[in-house]
């Protein structure tokens, strides 16, 4: 479970970085670059969601001793 949480956090961080980079490109008038980085951010966000769902579903499988 910890691994899924870690991977989700890493993907969230990558998404945030890509969003910031997209914003920087947009501010400079580079719409194509901004859109490319925004698309990457979306992909990272989707992966983060997938890992978070996996971690959540596994958390219900923990058995107390």
Protein backbone atom coordinates (compact mmCIF):
# COMPACT_ATOMS: atom_id res chain seq x y z
CA UNK A 1 0.00 0.00 0.00
CA UNK A 2 2.79 2.42 0.87
CA UNK A 3 4.24 2.05 -2.62
CA UNK A 4 0.96 3.09 -4.26
CA UNK A 5 0.72 6.16 -2.03
CA UNK A 6 4.32 7.06 -2.82
CA UNK A 7 3.79 6.67 -6.55
CA UNK A 8 0.61 8.76 -6.39
CA UNK A 9 2.48 11.52 -4.55
CA UNK A 10 5.28 11.46 -7.12
CA UNK A 11 2.82 11.76 -9.99
CA UNK A 12 1.02 14.64 -8.24
CA UNK A 13 4.35 16.44 -7.88
CA UNK A 14 5.15 15.89 -11.57
CA UNK A 15 1.70 17.19 -12.53
CA UNK A 16 2.18 20.33 -10.43
CA UNK A 17 5.57 20.95 -12.01
CA UNK A 18 4.15 20.49 -15.52
CA UNK A 19 1.29 22.90 -14.70
CA UNK A 20 3.78 25.54 -13.54
CA UNK A 21 5.86 25.05 -16.67
CA UNK A 22 2.73 25.31 -18.84
CA UNK A 23 1.84 28.58 -17.14
CA UNK A 24 5.34 29.94 -17.73
CA UNK A 25 5.13 29.09 -21.43
CA UNK A 26 1.70 30.72 -21.70
CA UNK A 27 2.98 33.89 -20.00
CA UNK A 28 5.78 34.06 -22.57
CA UNK A 29 3.28 33.74 -25.43
CA UNK A 30 4.30 30.16 -26.26
CA UNK A 31 0.86 28.63 -26.55
CA UNK A 32 2.12 25.43 -28.18
CA UNK A 33 4.62 24.81 -25.41
CA UNK A 34 2.01 25.64 -22.80
CA UNK A 35 -0.46 23.18 -24.27
CA UNK A 36 2.20 20.46 -24.50
CA UNK A 37 3.08 20.84 -20.82
CA UNK A 38 -0.59 21.06 -19.84
CA UNK A 39 -1.20 17.76 -21.65
CA UNK A 40 1.71 16.20 -19.73
CA UNK A 41 0.23 17.52 -16.50
CA UNK A 42 -3.07 15.87 -17.32
CA UNK A 43 -1.35 12.54 -17.96
CA UNK A 44 0.55 12.76 -14.67
CA UNK A 45 -2.70 13.61 -12.89
CA UNK A 46 -4.44 10.59 -14.40
CA UNK A 47 -1.60 8.33 -13.25
CA UNK A 48 -1.73 9.85 -9.76
CA UNK A 49 -5.45 9.15 -9.59
CA UNK A 50 -4.89 5.55 -10.69
CA UNK A 51 -2.27 4.98 -7.98
CA UNK A 52 -4.42 6.69 -5.35
CA UNK A 53 -7.38 4.46 -6.24
CA UNK A 54 -5.12 1.41 -6.01
CA UNK A 55 -3.85 2.47 -2.59
CA UNK A 56 -7.40 3.11 -1.41
CA UNK A 57 -8.67 -0.27 -2.58
CA UNK A 58 -5.74 -2.05 -0.95
CA UNK A 59 -6.22 -0.22 2.34
CA UNK A 60 -9.49 -2.11 2.84
CA UNK A 61 -7.65 -5.40 2.54
CA UNK A 62 -5.47 -4.89 5.60
CA UNK A 63 -6.17 -7.52 8.24
CA UNK A 64 -5.75 -6.72 11.93
CA UNK A 65 -3.94 -9.24 14.08
